[in-house]
Amino acid sequence: MAGIRLVVTDMDGTLLHDDGTVPAAFWPLLERMRAQGITFVPASGRQHAALSRDFAGRGPLHIIAENGALLTHDGTELFSRTLEAAAVRDMLAALREVAARENLGVVLCGKRSAYIERQDAHFREQARHYYAALEPVEDLLAVQDDFLKIAVCDLEEDAARLEDELTGIAAGHRLVVSGPKWADIMRPDVDKGHALAHLQAELGVTPAETVAFGDYLNDLGMLARAEHAYAMDNAHPDVLAAARNTAGTNASAGVVRVLDGLLG
């Protein structure tokens, strides 16, 4: 498609297969995009270290990580928005009270690493799927880092059921349900759309020159910044309603198929 200069895609439920792998057919497309002067950007709730692992050895790359709290290029930070330490302490204390009666796990997401107190194998497996740099600690309140977000994992696999309670805990902050199991608490001025707007300004790219793919509620801001916005067929109903186009399912490599057609 003529005039496309930027392609940005969510990862889980969008680009990635259900087993968390990048479709093999995507890698030649990445080279085709670069040859045509198109910037490709993964934009995810995942940790920067996890995204860097997924694209290791694939050359310089812009990455939008932690639901838009961190933007980098080739590992160099271009933009970040961190939580205030006092607010983090208050929210962690409140989340401990909820976790005492609900089957929750909490991940404190810093620039250097992600941190967990809960140590059972099931929760650690869930956390390791998204956090390549993951450090078990005795007390989250004692951790020293610059914090990008707090991620809450509902081991009952229905994060939306606690949305009202978590919204109260996150008062003054942004709460977004980023998947069936996960909800993220961030600064109110953080989402993928804000990070994408910063990158568009940095690159001199307009929404009309941007293609975006997403599947869940944390992708809505990003899709709003792209005139060529695609929801996956497996997307949340609100995302399907917001997007201008659909792209098949992640299991059928819908992103790959659409990009192959757009690139000609």
C-alpha atoms as a PDB file:
ATOM      1  CA  MET A   1       0.000   0.000   0.000  1.00  0.00           C
ATOM      2  CA  ALA A   2       1.499   3.316  -1.077  1.00  0.00           C
ATOM      3  CA  GLY A   3       2.157   5.852   1.652  1.00  0.00           C
ATOM      4  CA  ILE A   4       2.609   3.439   4.557  1.00  0.00           C
ATOM      5  CA  ARG A   5       5.638   4.362   6.665  1.00  0.00           C
ATOM      6  CA  LEU A   6       4.906   2.780  10.069  1.00  0.00           C
ATOM      7  CA  VAL A   7       3.506  -0.621  11.118  1.00  0.00           C
ATOM      8  CA  VAL A   8       2.795  -1.250  14.785  1.00  0.00           C
ATOM      9  CA  THR A   9       1.369  -4.442  16.231  1.00  0.00           C
ATOM     10  CA  ASP A  10       0.374  -5.918  19.545  1.00  0.00           C
ATOM     11  CA  MET A  11       1.944  -9.276  20.313  1.00  0.00           C
ATOM     12  CA  ASP A  12      -0.186 -11.726  22.368  1.00  0.00           C
ATOM     13  CA  GLY A  13      -3.425 -12.574  20.616  1.00  0.00           C
ATOM     14  CA  THR A  14      -2.330 -10.524  17.600  1.00  0.00           C
ATOM     15  CA  LEU A  15       1.037 -11.239  15.938  1.00  0.00           C
ATOM     16  CA  LEU A  16       1.984 -14.258  18.045  1.00  0.00           C
ATOM     17  CA  HIS A  17       0.631 -17.755  17.699  1.00  0.00           C
ATOM     18  CA  ASP A  18      -1.213 -19.129  20.728  1.00  0.00           C
ATOM     19  CA  ASP A  19       2.020 -20.820  21.865  1.00  0.00           C
ATOM     20  CA  GLY A  20       3.727 -17.415  22.061  1.00  0.00           C
ATOM     21  CA  THR A  21       5.916 -17.791  18.964  1.00  0.00           C
ATOM     22  CA  VAL A  22       6.336 -15.371  16.081  1.00  0.00           C
ATOM     23  CA  PRO A  23       5.040 -16.872  12.803  1.00  0.00           C
ATOM     24  CA  ALA A  24       7.991 -17.969  10.680  1.00  0.00           C
ATOM     25  CA  ALA A  25       6.511 -16.183   7.670  1.00  0.00           C
ATOM     26  CA  PHE A  26       6.771 -12.847   9.489  1.00  0.00           C
ATOM     27  CA  TRP A  27      10.576 -12.610   9.317  1.00  0.00           C
ATOM     28  CA  PRO A  28      10.789 -12.187   5.520  1.00  0.00           C
ATOM     29  CA  LEU A  29       8.069  -9.541   5.817  1.00  0.00           C
ATOM     30  CA  LEU A  30      10.189  -7.643   8.337  1.00  0.00           C
ATOM     31  CA  GLU A  31      12.983  -7.451   5.771  1.00  0.00           C
ATOM     32  CA  ARG A  32      10.528  -6.382   3.068  1.00  0.00           C
ATOM     33  CA  MET A  33       9.243  -3.573   5.286  1.00  0.00           C
ATOM     34  CA  ARG A  34      12.758  -2.353   5.944  1.00  0.00           C
ATOM     35  CA  ALA A  35      13.596  -2.500   2.238  1.00  0.00           C
ATOM     36  CA  GLN A  36      10.563  -0.291   1.554  1.00  0.00           C
ATOM     37  CA  GLY A  37      11.513   2.204   4.283  1.00  0.00           C
ATOM     38  CA  ILE A  38       8.696   1.146   6.618  1.00  0.00           C
ATOM     39  CA  THR A  39       9.385   1.168  10.368  1.00  0.00           C
ATOM     40  CA  PHE A  40       8.047  -1.890  12.211  1.00  0.00           C
ATOM     41  CA  VAL A  41       7.263  -1.634  15.944  1.00  0.00           C
ATOM     42  CA  PRO A  42       6.071  -4.281  18.407  1.00  0.00           C
ATOM     43  CA  ALA A  43       3.777  -2.649  20.982  1.00  0.00           C
ATOM     44  CA  SER A  44       2.917  -4.799  23.959  1.00  0.00           C
ATOM     45  CA  GLY A  45       2.056  -5.002  27.600  1.00  0.00           C
ATOM     46  CA  ARG A  46       5.073  -7.273  27.782  1.00  0.00           C
ATOM     47  CA  GLN A  47       8.338  -6.255  29.371  1.00  0.00           C
ATOM     48  CA  HIS A  48      11.047  -4.674  27.232  1.00  0.00           C
ATOM     49  CA  ALA A  49      13.408  -7.551  27.991  1.00  0.00           C
ATOM     50  CA  ALA A  50      10.839 -10.079  26.752  1.00  0.00           C
ATOM     51  CA  LEU A  51      10.285  -8.193  23.496  1.00  0.00           C
ATOM     52  CA  SER A  52      14.035  -7.801  22.988  1.00  0.00           C
ATOM     53  CA  ARG A  53      14.363 -11.573  23.412  1.00  0.00           C
ATOM     54  CA  ASP A  54      11.653 -12.231  20.813  1.00  0.00           C
ATOM     55  CA  PHE A  55      13.418 -10.010  18.238  1.00  0.00           C
ATOM     56  CA  ALA A  56      17.033 -10.793  19.183  1.00  0.00           C
ATOM     57  CA  GLY A  57      19.389 -10.651  16.221  1.00  0.00           C
ATOM     58  CA  ARG A  58      16.817  -8.977  13.971  1.00  0.00           C
ATOM     59  CA  GLY A  59      18.584  -5.621  13.781  1.00  0.00           C
ATOM     60  CA  PRO A  60      17.769  -2.193  15.239  1.00  0.00           C
ATOM     61  CA  LEU A  61      14.165  -1.956  16.343  1.00  0.00           C
ATOM     62  CA  HIS A  62      11.778   0.477  17.991  1.00  0.00           C
ATOM     63  CA  ILE A  63       9.882  -1.175  20.874  1.00  0.00           C
ATOM     64  CA  ILE A  64       6.811   0.025  22.770  1.00  0.00           C
ATOM     65  CA  ALA A  65       6.808  -1.951  26.026  1.00  0.00           C
ATOM     66  CA  GLU A  66       4.798  -2.102  29.258  1.00  0.00           C
ATOM     67  CA  ASN A  67       1.599  -0.908  27.555  1.00  0.00           C
ATOM     68  CA  GLY A  68       3.253   2.306  26.420  1.00  0.00           C
ATOM     69  CA  ALA A  69       5.187   3.244  29.544  1.00  0.00           C
ATOM     70  CA  LEU A  70       8.513   2.712  27.743  1.00  0.00           C
ATOM     71  CA  LEU A  71       9.655   3.415  24.173  1.00  0.00           C
ATOM     72  CA  THR A  72      13.126   2.480  22.962  1.00  0.00           C
ATOM     73  CA  HIS A  73      15.180   2.289  19.796  1.00  0.00           C
ATOM     74  CA  ASP A  74      17.947  -0.272  19.552  1.00  0.00           C
ATOM     75  CA  GLY A  75      17.885  -0.576  23.351  1.00  0.00           C
ATOM     76  CA  THR A  76      18.165   3.175  23.976  1.00  0.00           C
ATOM     77  CA  GLU A  77      15.316   4.790  25.890  1.00  0.00           C
ATOM     78  CA  LEU A  78      13.454   7.468  23.939  1.00  0.00           C
ATOM     79  CA  PHE A  79      10.496   7.952  26.270  1.00  0.00           C
ATOM     80  CA  SER A  80       9.224   6.660  29.614  1.00  0.00           C
ATOM     81  CA  ARG A  81       6.613   7.531  32.212  1.00  0.00           C
ATOM     82  CA  THR A  82       7.110   6.103  35.672  1.00  0.00           C
ATOM     83  CA  LEU A  83       4.894   5.813  38.730  1.00  0.00           C
ATOM     84  CA  GLU A  84       5.509   7.818  41.888  1.00  0.00           C
ATOM     85  CA  ALA A  85       7.093   5.683  44.613  1.00  0.00           C
ATOM     86  CA  ALA A  86       4.529   6.691  47.260  1.00  0.00           C
ATOM     87  CA  ALA A  87       1.638   5.729  44.995  1.00  0.00           C
ATOM     88  CA  VAL A  88       3.284   2.378  44.278  1.00  0.00           C
ATOM     89  CA  ARG A  89       3.551   1.642  47.999  1.00  0.00           C
ATOM     90  CA  ASP A  90      -0.104   2.511  48.614  1.00  0.00           C
ATOM     91  CA  MET A  91      -1.350   0.404  45.713  1.00  0.00           C
ATOM     92  CA  LEU A  92       0.819  -2.589  46.652  1.00  0.00           C
ATOM     93  CA  ALA A  93      -0.518  -2.494  50.217  1.00  0.00           C
ATOM     94  CA  ALA A  94      -4.118  -2.452  48.939  1.00  0.00           C
ATOM     95  CA  LEU A  95      -3.424  -5.250  46.458  1.00  0.00           C
ATOM     96  CA  ARG A  96      -2.026  -7.407  49.261  1.00  0.00           C
ATOM     97  CA  GLU A  97      -5.393  -7.152  50.995  1.00  0.00           C
ATOM     98  CA  VAL A  98      -7.202  -8.302  47.852  1.00  0.00           C
ATOM     99  CA  ALA A  99      -4.701 -11.122  47.281  1.00  0.00           C
ATOM    100  CA  ALA A 100      -5.376 -12.404  50.805  1.00  0.00           C
ATOM    101  CA  ARG A 101      -8.895 -13.418  49.691  1.00  0.00           C
ATOM    102  CA  GLU A 102      -8.571 -13.740  45.911  1.00  0.00           C
ATOM    103  CA  ASN A 103      -6.289 -15.913  43.791  1.00  0.00           C
ATOM    104  CA  LEU A 104      -4.102 -13.072  42.571  1.00  0.00           C
ATOM    105  CA  GLY A 105      -0.457 -12.542  41.799  1.00  0.00           C
ATOM    106  CA  VAL A 106       1.221  -9.135  41.537  1.00  0.00           C
ATOM    107  CA  VAL A 107       4.154  -8.204  39.302  1.00  0.00           C
ATOM    108  CA  LEU A 108       5.938  -4.937  40.051  1.00  0.00           C
ATOM    109  CA  CYS A 109       7.415  -3.812  36.740  1.00  0.00           C
ATOM    110  CA  GLY A 110      10.583  -1.750  36.874  1.00  0.00           C
ATOM    111  CA  LYS A 111      13.004  -0.590  34.222  1.00  0.00           C
ATOM    112  CA  ARG A 112      15.710  -2.993  35.389  1.00  0.00           C
ATOM    113  CA  SER A 113      13.524  -6.020  36.097  1.00  0.00           C
ATOM    114  CA  ALA A 114      10.099  -7.238  37.112  1.00  0.00           C
ATOM    115  CA  TYR A 115       9.600  -8.398  40.709  1.00  0.00           C
ATOM    116  CA  ILE A 116       7.286 -10.912  42.387  1.00  0.00           C
ATOM    117  CA  GLU A 117       6.608 -11.949  45.977  1.00  0.00           C
ATOM    118  CA  ARG A 118       4.338 -14.891  45.215  1.00  0.00           C
ATOM    119  CA  GLN A 119       6.521 -17.940  44.646  1.00  0.00           C
ATOM    120  CA  ASP A 120       4.270 -20.864  43.633  1.00  0.00           C
ATOM    121  CA  ALA A 121       5.094 -22.554  40.335  1.00  0.00           C
ATOM    122  CA  HIS A 122       1.772 -21.751  38.655  1.00  0.00           C
ATOM    123  CA  PHE A 123       2.058 -17.998  39.145  1.00  0.00           C
ATOM    124  CA  ARG A 124       5.756 -17.930  38.273  1.00  0.00           C
ATOM    125  CA  GLU A 125       4.967 -19.730  35.014  1.00  0.00           C
ATOM    126  CA  GLN A 126       2.348 -17.116  34.161  1.00  0.00           C
ATOM    127  CA  ALA A 127       4.734 -14.260  34.957  1.00  0.00           C
ATOM    128  CA  ARG A 128       7.693 -15.721  33.073  1.00  0.00           C
ATOM    129  CA  HIS A 129       5.611 -15.854  29.905  1.00  0.00           C
ATOM    130  CA  TYR A 130       5.645 -12.034  29.777  1.00  0.00           C
ATOM    131  CA  TYR A 131       8.703 -11.089  31.860  1.00  0.00           C
ATOM    132  CA  ALA A 132      12.097 -12.322  30.710  1.00  0.00           C
ATOM    133  CA  ALA A 133      13.837 -10.405  33.517  1.00  0.00           C
ATOM    134  CA  LEU A 134      11.962 -11.605  36.609  1.00  0.00           C
ATOM    135  CA  GLU A 135      13.309 -11.412  40.159  1.00  0.00           C
ATOM    136  CA  PRO A 136      11.660 -13.111  43.164  1.00  0.00           C
ATOM    137  CA  VAL A 137      11.842 -10.932  46.285  1.00  0.00           C
ATOM    138  CA  GLU A 138      10.733 -11.215  49.900  1.00  0.00           C
ATOM    139  CA  ASP A 139       9.048  -7.800  49.972  1.00  0.00           C
ATOM    140  CA  LEU A 140       7.922  -5.765  46.969  1.00  0.00           C
ATOM    141  CA  LEU A 141       7.839  -2.676  49.143  1.00  0.00           C
ATOM    142  CA  ALA A 142      11.604  -2.927  49.629  1.00  0.00           C
ATOM    143  CA  VAL A 143      12.455  -2.962  45.895  1.00  0.00           C
ATOM    144  CA  GLN A 144      14.405  -0.005  44.492  1.00  0.00           C
ATOM    145  CA  ASP A 145      13.804   0.712  40.805  1.00  0.00           C
ATOM    146  CA  ASP A 146      11.953   3.093  38.483  1.00  0.00           C
ATOM    147  CA  PHE A 147       8.490   1.542  38.215  1.00  0.00           C
ATOM    148  CA  LEU A 148       6.585   1.540  34.940  1.00  0.00           C
ATOM    149  CA  LYS A 149       3.447  -0.335  35.995  1.00  0.00           C
ATOM    150  CA  ILE A 150       1.901  -2.828  38.387  1.00  0.00           C
ATOM    151  CA  ALA A 151       0.514  -5.950  36.713  1.00  0.00           C
ATOM    152  CA  VAL A 152      -2.157  -8.031  38.439  1.00  0.00           C
ATOM    153  CA  CYS A 153      -2.682 -11.648  37.387  1.00  0.00           C
ATOM    154  CA  ASP A 154      -6.015 -13.291  38.197  1.00  0.00           C
ATOM    155  CA  LEU A 155      -5.251 -17.007  38.406  1.00  0.00           C
ATOM    156  CA  GLU A 156      -8.988 -17.659  38.039  1.00  0.00           C
ATOM    157  CA  GLU A 157      -8.550 -16.302  34.483  1.00  0.00           C
ATOM    158  CA  ASP A 158     -11.193 -13.577  34.700  1.00  0.00           C
ATOM    159  CA  ALA A 159      -9.464 -10.279  35.410  1.00  0.00           C
ATOM    160  CA  ALA A 160     -12.564  -8.309  34.422  1.00  0.00           C
ATOM    161  CA  ARG A 161     -14.451  -9.635  37.481  1.00  0.00           C
ATOM    162  CA  LEU A 162     -12.230  -7.518  39.740  1.00  0.00           C
ATOM    163  CA  GLU A 163     -12.174  -4.445  37.525  1.00  0.00           C
ATOM    164  CA  ASP A 164     -14.321  -2.294  39.832  1.00  0.00           C
ATOM    165  CA  GLU A 165     -12.234  -3.107  42.909  1.00  0.00           C
ATOM    166  CA  LEU A 166      -8.952  -2.622  41.070  1.00  0.00           C
ATOM    167  CA  THR A 167     -10.191   0.676  39.658  1.00  0.00           C
ATOM    168  CA  GLY A 168     -10.705   1.876  43.222  1.00  0.00           C
ATOM    169  CA  ILE A 169      -7.190   0.816  44.196  1.00  0.00           C
ATOM    170  CA  ALA A 170      -5.787   2.530  41.108  1.00  0.00           C
ATOM    171  CA  ALA A 171      -7.633   5.807  41.751  1.00  0.00           C
ATOM    172  CA  GLY A 172      -5.889   8.601  39.885  1.00  0.00           C
ATOM    173  CA  HIS A 173      -4.127   6.093  37.645  1.00  0.00           C
ATOM    174  CA  ARG A 174      -5.004   4.175  34.482  1.00  0.00           C
ATOM    175  CA  LEU A 175      -6.295   0.628  34.898  1.00  0.00           C
ATOM    176  CA  VAL A 176      -6.513  -1.444  31.735  1.00  0.00           C
ATOM    177  CA  VAL A 177      -7.571  -5.070  31.366  1.00  0.00           C
ATOM    178  CA  SER A 178      -4.867  -6.322  29.005  1.00  0.00           C
ATOM    179  CA  GLY A 179      -5.959  -9.953  28.727  1.00  0.00           C
ATOM    180  CA  PRO A 180      -8.271 -12.554  30.268  1.00  0.00           C
ATOM    181  CA  LYS A 181      -5.893 -12.994  33.236  1.00  0.00           C
ATOM    182  CA  TRP A 182      -4.176  -9.629  33.431  1.00  0.00           C
ATOM    183  CA  ALA A 183      -4.893  -6.050  34.431  1.00  0.00           C
ATOM    184  CA  ASP A 184      -2.267  -3.294  34.472  1.00  0.00           C
ATOM    185  CA  ILE A 185      -2.032  -0.138  36.568  1.00  0.00           C
ATOM    186  CA  MET A 186      -0.064   2.743  35.073  1.00  0.00           C
ATOM    187  CA  ARG A 187       0.137   6.503  35.145  1.00  0.00           C
ATOM    188  CA  PRO A 188      -3.002   8.167  33.758  1.00  0.00           C
ATOM    189  CA  ASP A 189      -1.008   9.531  30.811  1.00  0.00           C
ATOM    190  CA  VAL A 190       0.270   6.085  29.755  1.00  0.00           C
ATOM    191  CA  ASP A 191      -1.127   3.861  27.046  1.00  0.00           C
ATOM    192  CA  LYS A 192       0.066   2.483  23.732  1.00  0.00           C
ATOM    193  CA  GLY A 193      -1.616   5.355  21.915  1.00  0.00           C
ATOM    194  CA  HIS A 194       0.420   8.013  23.760  1.00  0.00           C
ATOM    195  CA  ALA A 195       3.660   6.139  23.059  1.00  0.00           C
ATOM    196  CA  LEU A 196       2.715   5.733  19.406  1.00  0.00           C
ATOM    197  CA  ALA A 197       1.922   9.454  19.134  1.00  0.00           C
ATOM    198  CA  HIS A 198       5.387  10.231  20.553  1.00  0.00           C
ATOM    199  CA  LEU A 199       6.997   7.899  18.021  1.00  0.00           C
ATOM    200  CA  GLN A 200       4.975   9.319  15.132  1.00  0.00           C
ATOM    201  CA  ALA A 201       6.182  12.803  16.059  1.00  0.00           C
ATOM    202  CA  GLU A 202       9.761  11.534  16.377  1.00  0.00           C
ATOM    203  CA  LEU A 203       9.638   9.942  12.917  1.00  0.00           C
ATOM    204  CA  GLY A 204       7.466  12.602  11.248  1.00  0.00           C
ATOM    205  CA  VAL A 205       4.812  10.002  10.459  1.00  0.00           C
ATOM    206  CA  THR A 206       1.079  10.738  10.359  1.00  0.00           C
ATOM    207  CA  PRO A 207      -1.849   8.484  11.346  1.00  0.00           C
ATOM    208  CA  ALA A 208      -2.638   8.248   7.622  1.00  0.00           C
ATOM    209  CA  GLU A 209       0.788   6.631   7.132  1.00  0.00           C
ATOM    210  CA  THR A 210       0.327   4.190  10.032  1.00  0.00           C
ATOM    211  CA  VAL A 211      -0.969   0.608  10.133  1.00  0.00           C
ATOM    212  CA  ALA A 212      -1.851  -0.890  13.545  1.00  0.00           C
ATOM    213  CA  PHE A 213      -3.027  -4.318  14.685  1.00  0.00           C
ATOM    214  CA  GLY A 214      -4.562  -5.234  18.056  1.00  0.00           C
ATOM    215  CA  ASP A 215      -6.905  -7.573  19.871  1.00  0.00           C
ATOM    216  CA  TYR A 216      -7.568  -6.327  23.397  1.00  0.00           C
ATOM    217  CA  LEU A 217      -8.662  -3.269  25.362  1.00  0.00           C
ATOM    218  CA  ASN A 218      -5.112  -2.043  25.926  1.00  0.00           C
ATOM    219  CA  ASP A 219      -4.811  -1.646  22.136  1.00  0.00           C
ATOM    220  CA  LEU A 220      -7.648   0.853  21.697  1.00  0.00           C
ATOM    221  CA  GLY A 221      -5.496   3.978  22.053  1.00  0.00           C
ATOM    222  CA  MET A 222      -2.986   2.629  19.565  1.00  0.00           C
ATOM    223  CA  LEU A 223      -5.646   1.737  16.999  1.00  0.00           C
ATOM    224  CA  ALA A 224      -7.088   5.256  17.310  1.00  0.00           C
ATOM    225  CA  ARG A 225      -3.718   6.666  16.161  1.00  0.00           C
ATOM    226  CA  ALA A 226      -3.733   4.694  12.890  1.00  0.00           C
ATOM    227  CA  GLU A 227      -6.023   5.290   9.925  1.00  0.00           C
ATOM    228  CA  HIS A 228      -5.293   1.713   8.864  1.00  0.00           C
ATOM    229  CA  ALA A 229      -6.465   0.024  12.080  1.00  0.00           C
ATOM    230  CA  TYR A 230      -6.995  -3.741  12.140  1.00  0.00           C
ATOM    231  CA  ALA A 231      -8.687  -5.809  14.845  1.00  0.00           C
ATOM    232  CA  MET A 232      -8.054  -9.516  14.926  1.00  0.00           C
ATOM    233  CA  ASP A 233     -11.089 -11.728  14.377  1.00  0.00           C
ATOM    234  CA  ASN A 234     -10.401 -13.092  17.883  1.00  0.00           C
ATOM    235  CA  ALA A 235     -10.401  -9.553  19.359  1.00  0.00           C
ATOM    236  CA  HIS A 236     -12.468  -8.226  22.249  1.00  0.00           C
ATOM    237  CA  PRO A 237     -15.866  -6.960  20.968  1.00  0.00           C
ATOM    238  CA  ASP A 238     -14.976  -3.350  21.858  1.00  0.00           C
ATOM    239  CA  VAL A 239     -11.821  -3.602  19.749  1.00  0.00           C
ATOM    240  CA  LEU A 240     -13.726  -5.070  16.808  1.00  0.00           C
ATOM    241  CA  ALA A 241     -16.177  -2.178  17.071  1.00  0.00           C
ATOM    242  CA  ALA A 242     -13.387   0.429  17.152  1.00  0.00           C
ATOM    243  CA  ALA A 243     -11.228  -0.840  14.289  1.00  0.00           C
ATOM    244  CA  ARG A 244     -11.860  -0.039  10.646  1.00  0.00           C
ATOM    245  CA  ASN A 245     -10.738  -3.467   9.393  1.00  0.00           C
ATOM    246  CA  THR A 246     -10.282  -7.071  10.513  1.00  0.00           C
ATOM    247  CA  ALA A 247      -7.252  -9.272   9.999  1.00  0.00           C
ATOM    248  CA  GLY A 248      -8.179 -12.887  10.630  1.00  0.00           C
ATOM    249  CA  THR A 249      -7.069 -14.598  13.823  1.00  0.00           C
ATOM    250  CA  ASN A 250      -3.678 -14.715  15.451  1.00  0.00           C
ATOM    251  CA  ALA A 251      -3.764 -18.524  15.134  1.00  0.00           C
ATOM    252  CA  SER A 252      -4.083 -18.173  11.350  1.00  0.00           C
ATOM    253  CA  ALA A 253      -1.256 -15.576  11.191  1.00  0.00           C
ATOM    254  CA  GLY A 254      -3.710 -12.840  10.241  1.00  0.00           C
ATOM    255  CA  VAL A 255      -1.161 -10.040  10.705  1.00  0.00           C
ATOM    256  CA  VAL A 256       1.232 -11.769   8.305  1.00  0.00           C
ATOM    257  CA  ARG A 257      -1.459 -12.264   5.692  1.00  0.00           C
ATOM    258  CA  VAL A 258      -2.587  -8.621   5.815  1.00  0.00           C
ATOM    259  CA  LEU A 259       0.962  -7.278   5.699  1.00  0.00           C
ATOM    260  CA  ASP A 260       1.825  -9.521   2.764  1.00  0.00           C
ATOM    261  CA  GLY A 261      -1.067  -7.985   0.850  1.00  0.00           C
ATOM    262  CA  LEU A 262      -0.259  -4.406   1.899  1.00  0.00           C
ATOM    263  CA  LEU A 263       3.390  -4.715   0.937  1.00  0.00           C
ATOM    264  CA  GLY A 264       2.503  -5.936  -2.571  1.00  0.00           C
END
